Amino acid sequence: MAQRIRETRTPQYVALDYSISISDVMSALLFVFIVILIMFSFNMSTSESDFREEYQQAAKERERLEEINAEKEEKLKKLKTSVAELRELASNLKHDFDLQQARTAQLLYQLLTDIQQELISKENLRVHIDPNLGILRLPNEILFPLGSAQFAPGGEEILEKLARVLEHHLPCYTGKVDEASRPSFCLDRQWNPGTLDAVFIEGHTDNMPLVNAKSFSNNLHLSGMRAIRTYETLMAASIQAPLMELRNRKGQTVFGISGYGEYRPVVGHATPTPEPANRRIDVRFFLVNPKPPEAIPQVFEGLDRLTEKLGELK
């Protein structure tokens, strides 16, 4: 019997060609790379376009802001010019007003010193003046006894001397500016019609209680009666140029009276004290106050406008 030959089947290994797969992979990668490159290029193009658009918008915004800033700078420049103009106007107004005040103070000093010097040189009467307060002061001792409104010996004669001097000076400062007739005795420097507004005869006492003064209830009453008696005597004594007829620029009577009793002392005392300096008659002169410059409203209107414009720039 023929012997069978056993066939042995051994696995056979077949060699595979990987070059095709790598080529495909490379092709795929290349494709992906190309796609990515295209996408990148597209994105770059889009980003560049967006950037260019954003840049243009930013440039326009910058130009707009620059225009706004230029407008604000121009407005600010004009405001600074307006402020400088207002400052100069205010400075000029203050200078003019200061000149008017200085002129008024100089006239008051001139009036009081002229009266004082004439009282000394022509009437041999010495009085105290205070140009800052506009006061000519007469001590009560030369006019009235203590606690009385009746004149002391020689008191009436003293007021007659004062009246003669006042009527020689006050007409140079009274009357309406455009209608005043210049008296012959008014010197050039004295001729200032319409500048004297009022003259008050003021009575003052010390703070001692009244004793045996049955006619007066208190010092205030006494001071008022002394002022009235002084006023009446001055008015009656002036003949050449009656003081009672003097008028200010408004046509009002110049002279008036007031009594302050013990309430406006020259030397203050907490306790009752017979202070001689407080017992006095003051003749107080008031000149017309300088009028505020008419252009002052323009300054305030200008400030209001500047305030509004500054609010608009915020």
C-alpha atoms as a PDB file:
ATOM      1  CA  MET A   1       0.000   0.000   0.000  1.00  0.00           C
ATOM      2  CA  ALA A   2       1.403   3.102  -1.073  1.00  0.00           C
ATOM      3  CA  GLN A   3       2.284   5.312   1.795  1.00  0.00           C
ATOM      4  CA  ARG A   4       0.514   8.640   1.862  1.00  0.00           C
ATOM      5  CA  ILE A   5       2.546  11.590   2.067  1.00  0.00           C
ATOM      6  CA  ARG A   6       1.033  14.031   4.686  1.00  0.00           C
ATOM      7  CA  GLU A   7       0.846  17.468   3.323  1.00  0.00           C
ATOM      8  CA  THR A   8       1.678  20.007   5.861  1.00  0.00           C
ATOM      9  CA  ARG A   9       0.138  23.460   5.351  1.00  0.00           C
ATOM     10  CA  THR A  10       2.421  26.029   6.743  1.00  0.00           C
ATOM     11  CA  PRO A  11       1.056  29.621   6.923  1.00  0.00           C
ATOM     12  CA  GLN A  12       2.414  31.658   4.144  1.00  0.00           C
ATOM     13  CA  TYR A  13       3.377  35.320   4.834  1.00  0.00           C
ATOM     14  CA  VAL A  14       2.553  37.692   2.052  1.00  0.00           C
ATOM     15  CA  ALA A  15       4.545  40.956   1.840  1.00  0.00           C
ATOM     16  CA  LEU A  16       2.272  44.038   1.713  1.00  0.00           C
ATOM     17  CA  ASP A  17       3.121  47.184  -0.217  1.00  0.00           C
ATOM     18  CA  TYR A  18       2.814  50.030   2.256  1.00  0.00           C
ATOM     19  CA  SER A  19       3.998  52.632  -0.194  1.00  0.00           C
ATOM     20  CA  ILE A  20       0.479  53.146  -1.456  1.00  0.00           C
ATOM     21  CA  SER A  21      -0.897  53.861   2.003  1.00  0.00           C
ATOM     22  CA  ILE A  22       1.887  56.346   2.811  1.00  0.00           C
ATOM     23  CA  SER A  23       1.285  58.071  -0.464  1.00  0.00           C
ATOM     24  CA  ASP A  24      -2.366  58.314   0.331  1.00  0.00           C
ATOM     25  CA  VAL A  25      -1.589  59.633   3.782  1.00  0.00           C
ATOM     26  CA  MET A  26       0.820  62.158   2.382  1.00  0.00           C
ATOM     27  CA  SER A  27      -1.754  63.192  -0.139  1.00  0.00           C
ATOM     28  CA  ALA A  28      -4.307  63.498   2.578  1.00  0.00           C
ATOM     29  CA  LEU A  29      -1.927  65.492   4.733  1.00  0.00           C
ATOM     30  CA  LEU A  30      -1.050  67.687   1.827  1.00  0.00           C
ATOM     31  CA  PHE A  31      -4.726  68.225   1.185  1.00  0.00           C
ATOM     32  CA  VAL A  32      -5.329  69.033   4.811  1.00  0.00           C
ATOM     33  CA  PHE A  33      -2.359  71.394   4.772  1.00  0.00           C
ATOM     34  CA  ILE A  34      -3.686  73.067   1.673  1.00  0.00           C
ATOM     35  CA  VAL A  35      -7.097  73.373   3.263  1.00  0.00           C
ATOM     36  CA  ILE A  36      -5.582  74.775   6.433  1.00  0.00           C
ATOM     37  CA  LEU A  37      -3.430  77.145   4.382  1.00  0.00           C
ATOM     38  CA  ILE A  38      -6.467  78.263   2.451  1.00  0.00           C
ATOM     39  CA  MET A  39      -8.403  78.741   5.652  1.00  0.00           C
ATOM     40  CA  PHE A  40      -5.499  80.596   7.195  1.00  0.00           C
ATOM     41  CA  SER A  41      -5.181  82.764   4.121  1.00  0.00           C
ATOM     42  CA  PHE A  42      -8.892  83.408   4.211  1.00  0.00           C
ATOM     43  CA  ASN A  43      -8.770  84.218   7.882  1.00  0.00           C
ATOM     44  CA  MET A  44      -5.774  86.448   7.306  1.00  0.00           C
ATOM     45  CA  SER A  45      -7.618  88.184   4.519  1.00  0.00           C
ATOM     46  CA  THR A  46     -10.726  88.550   6.674  1.00  0.00           C
ATOM     47  CA  SER A  47      -8.677  89.761   9.666  1.00  0.00           C
ATOM     48  CA  GLU A  48      -6.821  92.208   7.469  1.00  0.00           C
ATOM     49  CA  SER A  49     -10.106  93.464   6.084  1.00  0.00           C
ATOM     50  CA  ASP A  50     -11.569  93.719   9.582  1.00  0.00           C
ATOM     51  CA  PHE A  51      -8.412  95.423  10.816  1.00  0.00           C
ATOM     52  CA  ARG A  52      -8.487  97.857   7.912  1.00  0.00           C
ATOM     53  CA  GLU A  53     -12.138  98.618   8.601  1.00  0.00           C
ATOM     54  CA  GLU A  54     -11.535  99.013  12.320  1.00  0.00           C
ATOM     55  CA  TYR A  55      -8.532 101.200  11.582  1.00  0.00           C
ATOM     56  CA  GLN A  56     -10.613 103.398   9.321  1.00  0.00           C
ATOM     57  CA  GLN A  57     -13.327 103.641  11.960  1.00  0.00           C
ATOM     58  CA  ALA A  58     -10.717 104.473  14.601  1.00  0.00           C
ATOM     59  CA  ALA A  59      -9.223 107.105  12.295  1.00  0.00           C
ATOM     60  CA  LYS A  60     -12.659 108.641  11.758  1.00  0.00           C
ATOM     61  CA  GLU A  61     -13.329 108.585  15.508  1.00  0.00           C
ATOM     62  CA  ARG A  62      -9.972 110.217  16.138  1.00  0.00           C
ATOM     63  CA  GLU A  63     -10.743 112.903  13.561  1.00  0.00           C
ATOM     64  CA  ARG A  64     -14.135 113.472  15.202  1.00  0.00           C
ATOM     65  CA  LEU A  65     -12.576 113.749  18.637  1.00  0.00           C
ATOM     66  CA  GLU A  66      -9.909 116.067  17.286  1.00  0.00           C
ATOM     67  CA  GLU A  67     -12.631 118.274  15.794  1.00  0.00           C
ATOM     68  CA  ILE A  68     -14.503 118.273  19.115  1.00  0.00           C
ATOM     69  CA  ASN A  69     -11.308 119.110  20.997  1.00  0.00           C
ATOM     70  CA  ALA A  70     -10.507 121.839  18.494  1.00  0.00           C
ATOM     71  CA  GLU A  71     -13.993 123.318  18.992  1.00  0.00           C
ATOM     72  CA  LYS A  72     -13.582 123.126  22.772  1.00  0.00           C
ATOM     73  CA  GLU A  73     -10.144 124.714  22.538  1.00  0.00           C
ATOM     74  CA  GLU A  74     -11.587 127.523  20.443  1.00  0.00           C
ATOM     75  CA  LYS A  75     -14.454 128.016  22.897  1.00  0.00           C
ATOM     76  CA  LEU A  76     -12.028 127.884  25.808  1.00  0.00           C
ATOM     77  CA  LYS A  77      -9.841 130.459  24.092  1.00  0.00           C
ATOM     78  CA  LYS A  78     -12.837 132.743  23.649  1.00  0.00           C
ATOM     79  CA  LEU A  79     -13.837 132.179  27.263  1.00  0.00           C
ATOM     80  CA  LYS A  80     -10.342 133.118  28.414  1.00  0.00           C
ATOM     81  CA  THR A  81     -10.565 136.252  26.304  1.00  0.00           C
ATOM     82  CA  SER A  82     -13.957 137.061  27.834  1.00  0.00           C
ATOM     83  CA  VAL A  83     -12.616 136.453  31.338  1.00  0.00           C
ATOM     84  CA  ALA A  84      -9.699 138.769  30.647  1.00  0.00           C
ATOM     85  CA  GLU A  85     -12.074 141.429  29.323  1.00  0.00           C
ATOM     86  CA  LEU A  86     -14.357 141.083  32.363  1.00  0.00           C
ATOM     87  CA  ARG A  87     -11.370 141.209  34.684  1.00  0.00           C
ATOM     88  CA  GLU A  88     -10.157 144.398  33.021  1.00  0.00           C
ATOM     89  CA  LEU A  89     -13.656 145.896  33.147  1.00  0.00           C
ATOM     90  CA  ALA A  90     -14.035 144.996  36.833  1.00  0.00           C
ATOM     91  CA  SER A  91     -10.596 146.424  37.561  1.00  0.00           C
ATOM     92  CA  ASN A  92     -11.475 149.674  35.808  1.00  0.00           C
ATOM     93  CA  LEU A  93     -14.808 149.887  37.638  1.00  0.00           C
ATOM     94  CA  LYS A  94     -13.119 149.316  40.985  1.00  0.00           C
ATOM     95  CA  HIS A  95     -10.498 151.926  40.157  1.00  0.00           C
ATOM     96  CA  ASP A  96     -13.168 154.473  39.231  1.00  0.00           C
ATOM     97  CA  PHE A  97     -15.219 153.667  42.344  1.00  0.00           C
ATOM     98  CA  ASP A  98     -12.138 153.938  44.558  1.00  0.00           C
ATOM     99  CA  LEU A  99     -11.397 157.334  43.011  1.00  0.00           C
ATOM    100  CA  GLN A 100     -14.950 158.482  43.774  1.00  0.00           C
ATOM    101  CA  GLN A 101     -14.687 157.285  47.369  1.00  0.00           C
ATOM    102  CA  ALA A 102     -11.324 158.967  47.770  1.00  0.00           C
ATOM    103  CA  ARG A 103     -12.773 162.155  46.303  1.00  0.00           C
ATOM    104  CA  THR A 104     -15.705 162.032  48.748  1.00  0.00           C
ATOM    105  CA  ALA A 105     -13.383 161.449  51.710  1.00  0.00           C
ATOM    106  CA  GLN A 106     -11.150 164.322  50.561  1.00  0.00           C
ATOM    107  CA  LEU A 107     -14.150 166.678  50.281  1.00  0.00           C
ATOM    108  CA  LEU A 108     -15.340 165.752  53.781  1.00  0.00           C
ATOM    109  CA  TYR A 109     -11.883 166.358  55.196  1.00  0.00           C
ATOM    110  CA  GLN A 110     -11.679 169.679  53.354  1.00  0.00           C
ATOM    111  CA  LEU A 111     -15.082 170.809  54.650  1.00  0.00           C
ATOM    112  CA  LEU A 112     -14.351 169.932  58.286  1.00  0.00           C
ATOM    113  CA  THR A 113     -10.835 171.394  58.338  1.00  0.00           C
ATOM    114  CA  ASP A 114     -12.031 174.604  56.656  1.00  0.00           C
ATOM    115  CA  ILE A 115     -14.750 174.992  59.292  1.00  0.00           C
ATOM    116  CA  GLN A 116     -12.326 174.197  62.124  1.00  0.00           C
ATOM    117  CA  GLN A 117      -9.666 176.629  60.899  1.00  0.00           C
ATOM    118  CA  GLU A 118     -12.152 179.462  60.403  1.00  0.00           C
ATOM    119  CA  LEU A 119     -13.613 178.890  63.875  1.00  0.00           C
ATOM    120  CA  ILE A 120     -10.113 179.267  65.295  1.00  0.00           C
ATOM    121  CA  SER A 121      -8.937 182.194  63.157  1.00  0.00           C
ATOM    122  CA  LYS A 122     -12.134 184.285  63.070  1.00  0.00           C
ATOM    123  CA  GLU A 123     -14.170 183.192  66.079  1.00  0.00           C
ATOM    124  CA  ASN A 124     -11.446 182.109  68.513  1.00  0.00           C
ATOM    125  CA  LEU A 125     -13.320 178.852  69.088  1.00  0.00           C
ATOM    126  CA  ARG A 126     -11.543 175.511  69.215  1.00  0.00           C
ATOM    127  CA  VAL A 127     -13.486 172.361  68.339  1.00  0.00           C
ATOM    128  CA  HIS A 128     -12.547 168.739  67.769  1.00  0.00           C
ATOM    129  CA  ILE A 129     -13.102 167.170  64.343  1.00  0.00           C
ATOM    130  CA  ASP A 130     -13.032 163.553  63.202  1.00  0.00           C
ATOM    131  CA  PRO A 131     -12.862 163.476  59.382  1.00  0.00           C
ATOM    132  CA  ASN A 132     -13.194 159.685  59.301  1.00  0.00           C
ATOM    133  CA  LEU A 133     -16.617 159.897  60.966  1.00  0.00           C
ATOM    134  CA  GLY A 134     -17.520 163.324  59.601  1.00  0.00           C
ATOM    135  CA  ILE A 135     -17.918 164.802  63.085  1.00  0.00           C
ATOM    136  CA  LEU A 136     -17.408 168.280  64.519  1.00  0.00           C
ATOM    137  CA  ARG A 137     -17.599 167.916  68.312  1.00  0.00           C
ATOM    138  CA  LEU A 138     -18.659 170.476  70.935  1.00  0.00           C
ATOM    139  CA  PRO A 139     -18.165 169.507  74.598  1.00  0.00           C
ATOM    140  CA  ASN A 140     -21.370 169.898  76.611  1.00  0.00           C
ATOM    141  CA  GLU A 141     -19.502 171.852  79.266  1.00  0.00           C
ATOM    142  CA  ILE A 142     -19.342 174.898  76.985  1.00  0.00           C
ATOM    143  CA  LEU A 143     -23.042 174.631  76.093  1.00  0.00           C
ATOM    144  CA  PHE A 144     -25.160 173.129  78.891  1.00  0.00           C
ATOM    145  CA  PRO A 145     -24.957 172.700  82.679  1.00  0.00           C
ATOM    146  CA  LEU A 146     -25.252 169.160  84.074  1.00  0.00           C
ATOM    147  CA  GLY A 147     -28.750 167.726  83.775  1.00  0.00           C
ATOM    148  CA  SER A 148     -30.092 170.751  81.907  1.00  0.00           C
ATOM    149  CA  ALA A 149     -31.102 171.657  78.361  1.00  0.00           C
ATOM    150  CA  GLN A 150     -30.793 175.387  79.111  1.00  0.00           C
ATOM    151  CA  PHE A 151     -27.609 177.041  77.856  1.00  0.00           C
ATOM    152  CA  ALA A 152     -24.731 177.695  80.179  1.00  0.00           C
ATOM    153  CA  PRO A 153     -23.366 181.247  80.197  1.00  0.00           C
ATOM    154  CA  GLY A 154     -21.768 181.828  76.810  1.00  0.00           C
ATOM    155  CA  GLY A 155     -23.246 178.665  75.285  1.00  0.00           C
ATOM    156  CA  GLU A 156     -25.609 180.489  72.986  1.00  0.00           C
ATOM    157  CA  GLU A 157     -22.810 182.804  71.793  1.00  0.00           C
ATOM    158  CA  ILE A 158     -20.689 179.745  70.910  1.00  0.00           C
ATOM    159  CA  LEU A 159     -23.470 178.383  68.696  1.00  0.00           C
ATOM    160  CA  GLU A 160     -23.873 181.775  67.041  1.00  0.00           C
ATOM    161  CA  LYS A 161     -20.175 181.675  66.119  1.00  0.00           C
ATOM    162  CA  LEU A 162     -20.611 178.175  64.710  1.00  0.00           C
ATOM    163  CA  ALA A 163     -23.651 179.290  62.703  1.00  0.00           C
ATOM    164  CA  ARG A 164     -21.724 182.164  61.095  1.00  0.00           C
ATOM    165  CA  VAL A 165     -18.982 179.806  59.967  1.00  0.00           C
ATOM    166  CA  LEU A 166     -21.361 177.087  58.744  1.00  0.00           C
ATOM    167  CA  GLU A 167     -23.315 179.528  56.602  1.00  0.00           C
ATOM    168  CA  HIS A 168     -20.031 180.552  55.008  1.00  0.00           C
ATOM    169  CA  HIS A 169     -19.173 176.988  53.929  1.00  0.00           C
ATOM    170  CA  LEU A 170     -22.223 174.750  53.609  1.00  0.00           C
ATOM    171  CA  PRO A 171     -23.864 176.618  50.685  1.00  0.00           C
ATOM    172  CA  CYS A 172     -20.796 175.673  48.612  1.00  0.00           C
ATOM    173  CA  TYR A 173     -21.699 171.961  48.983  1.00  0.00           C
ATOM    174  CA  THR A 174     -25.515 171.973  48.849  1.00  0.00           C
ATOM    175  CA  GLY A 175     -28.201 172.521  46.225  1.00  0.00           C
ATOM    176  CA  LYS A 176     -28.937 170.684  43.018  1.00  0.00           C
ATOM    177  CA  VAL A 177     -25.922 170.163  40.789  1.00  0.00           C
ATOM    178  CA  ASP A 178     -27.422 171.723  37.648  1.00  0.00           C
ATOM    179  CA  GLU A 179     -29.412 174.480  39.348  1.00  0.00           C
ATOM    180  CA  ALA A 180     -27.148 175.711  42.150  1.00  0.00           C
ATOM    181  CA  SER A 181     -26.150 179.362  42.054  1.00  0.00           C
ATOM    182  CA  ARG A 182     -22.594 179.898  43.216  1.00  0.00           C
ATOM    183  CA  PRO A 183     -22.242 182.281  46.173  1.00  0.00           C
ATOM    184  CA  SER A 184     -19.463 184.838  45.892  1.00  0.00           C
ATOM    185  CA  PHE A 185     -17.649 183.491  48.974  1.00  0.00           C
ATOM    186  CA  CYS A 186     -17.219 179.949  47.556  1.00  0.00           C
ATOM    187  CA  LEU A 187     -13.673 179.390  46.365  1.00  0.00           C
ATOM    188  CA  ASP A 188     -13.038 177.226  43.316  1.00  0.00           C
ATOM    189  CA  ARG A 189     -11.972 174.244  45.399  1.00  0.00           C
ATOM    190  CA  GLN A 190     -15.015 174.675  47.666  1.00  0.00           C
ATOM    191  CA  TRP A 191     -17.590 174.802  44.903  1.00  0.00           C
ATOM    192  CA  ASN A 192     -19.017 171.284  44.957  1.00  0.00           C
ATOM    193  CA  PRO A 193     -22.811 171.644  44.742  1.00  0.00           C
ATOM    194  CA  GLY A 194     -24.923 168.595  45.474  1.00  0.00           C
ATOM    195  CA  THR A 195     -22.254 166.783  47.478  1.00  0.00           C
ATOM    196  CA  LEU A 196     -23.606 167.476  51.017  1.00  0.00           C
ATOM    197  CA  ASP A 197     -26.519 165.176  51.803  1.00  0.00           C
ATOM    198  CA  ALA A 198     -27.310 165.799  55.497  1.00  0.00           C
ATOM    199  CA  VAL A 199     -26.107 167.389  58.738  1.00  0.00           C
ATOM    200  CA  PHE A 200     -27.290 165.903  62.037  1.00  0.00           C
ATOM    201  CA  ILE A 201     -27.167 167.653  65.388  1.00  0.00           C
ATOM    202  CA  GLU A 202     -26.566 164.732  67.791  1.00  0.00           C
ATOM    203  CA  GLY A 203     -26.999 164.906  71.567  1.00  0.00           C
ATOM    204  CA  HIS A 204     -25.029 162.559  73.858  1.00  0.00           C
ATOM    205  CA  THR A 205     -24.769 162.137  77.657  1.00  0.00           C
ATOM    206  CA  ASP A 206     -22.765 160.109  80.145  1.00  0.00           C
ATOM    207  CA  ASN A 207     -24.341 157.057  81.849  1.00  0.00           C
ATOM    208  CA  MET A 208     -25.017 158.704  85.208  1.00  0.00           C
ATOM    209  CA  PRO A 209     -28.681 158.576  86.294  1.00  0.00           C
ATOM    210  CA  LEU A 210     -30.381 161.967  86.282  1.00  0.00           C
ATOM    211  CA  VAL A 211     -30.687 163.633  89.688  1.00  0.00           C
ATOM    212  CA  ASN A 212     -33.247 166.367  90.377  1.00  0.00           C
ATOM    213  CA  ALA A 213     -33.954 166.649  86.656  1.00  0.00           C
ATOM    214  CA  LYS A 214     -37.735 166.809  86.798  1.00  0.00           C
ATOM    215  CA  SER A 215     -38.051 167.971  83.195  1.00  0.00           C
ATOM    216  CA  PHE A 216     -36.486 164.797  81.728  1.00  0.00           C
ATOM    217  CA  SER A 217     -37.364 161.174  82.266  1.00  0.00           C
ATOM    218  CA  ASN A 218     -33.908 159.832  81.330  1.00  0.00           C
ATOM    219  CA  ASN A 219     -30.638 160.635  79.564  1.00  0.00           C
ATOM    220  CA  LEU A 220     -32.114 159.839  76.166  1.00  0.00           C
ATOM    221  CA  HIS A 221     -34.775 162.494  76.669  1.00  0.00           C
ATOM    222  CA  LEU A 222     -32.160 164.970  77.881  1.00  0.00           C
ATOM    223  CA  SER A 223     -29.878 164.394  74.914  1.00  0.00           C
ATOM    224  CA  GLY A 224     -32.760 164.842  72.490  1.00  0.00           C
ATOM    225  CA  MET A 225     -33.823 168.144  74.061  1.00  0.00           C
ATOM    226  CA  ARG A 226     -30.257 169.448  73.970  1.00  0.00           C
ATOM    227  CA  ALA A 227     -30.018 168.533  70.283  1.00  0.00           C
ATOM    228  CA  ILE A 228     -33.292 170.375  69.614  1.00  0.00           C
ATOM    229  CA  ARG A 229     -32.122 173.472  71.492  1.00  0.00           C
ATOM    230  CA  THR A 230     -28.798 173.451  69.601  1.00  0.00           C
ATOM    231  CA  TYR A 231     -30.619 173.066  66.286  1.00  0.00           C
ATOM    232  CA  GLU A 232     -33.041 175.916  66.996  1.00  0.00           C
ATOM    233  CA  THR A 233     -30.247 178.245  68.031  1.00  0.00           C
ATOM    234  CA  LEU A 234     -28.150 177.484  64.943  1.00  0.00           C
ATOM    235  CA  MET A 235     -31.104 178.037  62.619  1.00  0.00           C
ATOM    236  CA  ALA A 236     -32.063 181.314  64.291  1.00  0.00           C
ATOM    237  CA  ALA A 237     -28.478 182.604  64.325  1.00  0.00           C
ATOM    238  CA  SER A 238     -27.835 182.158  60.594  1.00  0.00           C
ATOM    239  CA  ILE A 239     -28.903 185.278  58.722  1.00  0.00           C
ATOM    240  CA  GLN A 240     -26.578 185.763  55.752  1.00  0.00           C
ATOM    241  CA  ALA A 241     -27.291 182.290  54.277  1.00  0.00           C
ATOM    242  CA  PRO A 242     -30.065 180.716  56.382  1.00  0.00           C
ATOM    243  CA  LEU A 243     -29.101 177.163  57.286  1.00  0.00           C
ATOM    244  CA  MET A 244     -32.733 176.105  57.458  1.00  0.00           C
ATOM    245  CA  GLU A 245     -33.132 176.827  53.748  1.00  0.00           C
ATOM    246  CA  LEU A 246     -30.257 174.608  52.645  1.00  0.00           C
ATOM    247  CA  ARG A 247     -31.304 171.616  50.526  1.00  0.00           C
ATOM    248  CA  ASN A 248     -29.454 168.604  49.196  1.00  0.00           C
ATOM    249  CA  ARG A 249     -29.482 167.488  45.555  1.00  0.00           C
ATOM    250  CA  LYS A 250     -32.875 165.831  46.072  1.00  0.00           C
ATOM    251  CA  GLY A 251     -34.399 169.051  47.378  1.00  0.00           C
ATOM    252  CA  GLN A 252     -34.570 167.707  50.959  1.00  0.00           C
ATOM    253  CA  THR A 253     -33.770 169.707  54.094  1.00  0.00           C
ATOM    254  CA  VAL A 254     -30.132 169.245  55.065  1.00  0.00           C
ATOM    255  CA  PHE A 255     -30.316 169.693  58.846  1.00  0.00           C
ATOM    256  CA  GLY A 256     -31.840 167.210  61.260  1.00  0.00           C
ATOM    257  CA  ILE A 257     -31.551 166.169  64.916  1.00  0.00           C
ATOM    258  CA  SER A 258     -31.035 162.984  66.925  1.00  0.00           C
ATOM    259  CA  GLY A 259     -30.511 162.105  70.567  1.00  0.00           C
ATOM    260  CA  TYR A 260     -28.543 159.042  71.670  1.00  0.00           C
ATOM    261  CA  GLY A 261     -28.375 159.562  75.411  1.00  0.00           C
ATOM    262  CA  GLU A 262     -25.719 157.349  76.950  1.00  0.00           C
ATOM    263  CA  TYR A 263     -25.792 154.720  74.202  1.00  0.00           C
ATOM    264  CA  ARG A 264     -22.963 155.978  71.967  1.00  0.00           C
ATOM    265  CA  PRO A 265     -20.163 156.790  74.396  1.00  0.00           C
ATOM    266  CA  VAL A 266     -16.737 157.980  73.336  1.00  0.00           C
ATOM    267  CA  VAL A 267     -15.316 156.283  76.443  1.00  0.00           C
ATOM    268  CA  GLY A 268     -17.289 153.269  77.623  1.00  0.00           C
ATOM    269  CA  HIS A 269     -17.977 152.566  81.319  1.00  0.00           C
ATOM    270  CA  ALA A 270     -19.740 149.514  82.770  1.00  0.00           C
ATOM    271  CA  THR A 271     -20.757 151.423  85.897  1.00  0.00           C
ATOM    272  CA  PRO A 272     -22.277 154.920  86.131  1.00  0.00           C
ATOM    273  CA  THR A 273     -19.431 157.359  85.545  1.00  0.00           C
ATOM    274  CA  PRO A 274     -19.562 161.133  84.973  1.00  0.00           C
ATOM    275  CA  GLU A 275     -17.314 160.903  81.906  1.00  0.00           C
ATOM    276  CA  PRO A 276     -16.873 164.441  80.463  1.00  0.00           C
ATOM    277  CA  ALA A 277     -15.943 163.145  76.985  1.00  0.00           C
ATOM    278  CA  ASN A 278     -19.331 161.436  76.664  1.00  0.00           C
ATOM    279  CA  ARG A 279     -21.305 164.615  77.412  1.00  0.00           C
ATOM    280  CA  ARG A 280     -21.215 166.326  74.039  1.00  0.00           C
ATOM    281  CA  ILE A 281     -22.983 167.707  70.982  1.00  0.00           C
ATOM    282  CA  ASP A 282     -21.779 166.184  67.705  1.00  0.00           C
ATOM    283  CA  VAL A 283     -22.444 167.872  64.380  1.00  0.00           C
ATOM    284  CA  ARG A 284     -22.223 164.994  61.910  1.00  0.00           C
ATOM    285  CA  PHE A 285     -21.822 165.684  58.181  1.00  0.00           C
ATOM    286  CA  PHE A 286     -22.900 163.189  55.531  1.00  0.00           C
ATOM    287  CA  LEU A 287     -21.758 163.578  51.937  1.00  0.00           C
ATOM    288  CA  VAL A 288     -23.517 161.855  49.054  1.00  0.00           C
ATOM    289  CA  ASN A 289     -22.145 158.340  48.720  1.00  0.00           C
ATOM    290  CA  PRO A 290     -20.533 157.494  45.376  1.00  0.00           C
ATOM    291  CA  LYS A 291     -22.917 155.668  43.077  1.00  0.00           C
ATOM    292  CA  PRO A 292     -21.902 152.152  42.055  1.00  0.00           C
ATOM    293  CA  PRO A 293     -20.674 152.149  38.445  1.00  0.00           C
ATOM    294  CA  GLU A 294     -23.460 151.654  35.931  1.00  0.00           C
ATOM    295  CA  ALA A 295     -21.456 148.944  34.166  1.00  0.00           C
ATOM    296  CA  ILE A 296     -21.572 146.588  37.173  1.00  0.00           C
ATOM    297  CA  PRO A 297     -24.655 144.734  35.777  1.00  0.00           C
ATOM    298  CA  GLN A 298     -22.638 144.060  32.629  1.00  0.00           C
ATOM    299  CA  VAL A 299     -20.043 142.250  34.731  1.00  0.00           C
ATOM    300  CA  PHE A 300     -22.670 140.014  36.344  1.00  0.00           C
ATOM    301  CA  GLU A 301     -24.344 139.306  33.014  1.00  0.00           C
ATOM    302  CA  GLY A 302     -20.969 138.385  31.551  1.00  0.00           C
ATOM    303  CA  LEU A 303     -20.269 136.068  34.476  1.00  0.00           C
ATOM    304  CA  ASP A 304     -23.638 134.360  33.979  1.00  0.00           C
ATOM    305  CA  ARG A 305     -22.869 133.778  30.314  1.00  0.00           C
ATOM    306  CA  LEU A 306     -19.433 132.402  31.121  1.00  0.00           C
ATOM    307  CA  THR A 307     -20.933 130.049  33.701  1.00  0.00           C
ATOM    308  CA  GLU A 308     -23.380 128.680  31.133  1.00  0.00           C
ATOM    309  CA  LYS A 309     -20.646 128.187  28.558  1.00  0.00           C
ATOM    310  CA  LEU A 310     -18.384 126.446  31.042  1.00  0.00           C
ATOM    311  CA  GLY A 311     -21.264 124.084  31.803  1.00  0.00           C
ATOM    312  CA  GLU A 312     -21.584 123.292  28.101  1.00  0.00           C
ATOM    313  CA  LEU A 313     -17.895 122.360  27.862  1.00  0.00           C
ATOM    314  CA  LYS A 314     -18.162 119.690  30.538  1.00  0.00           C
END
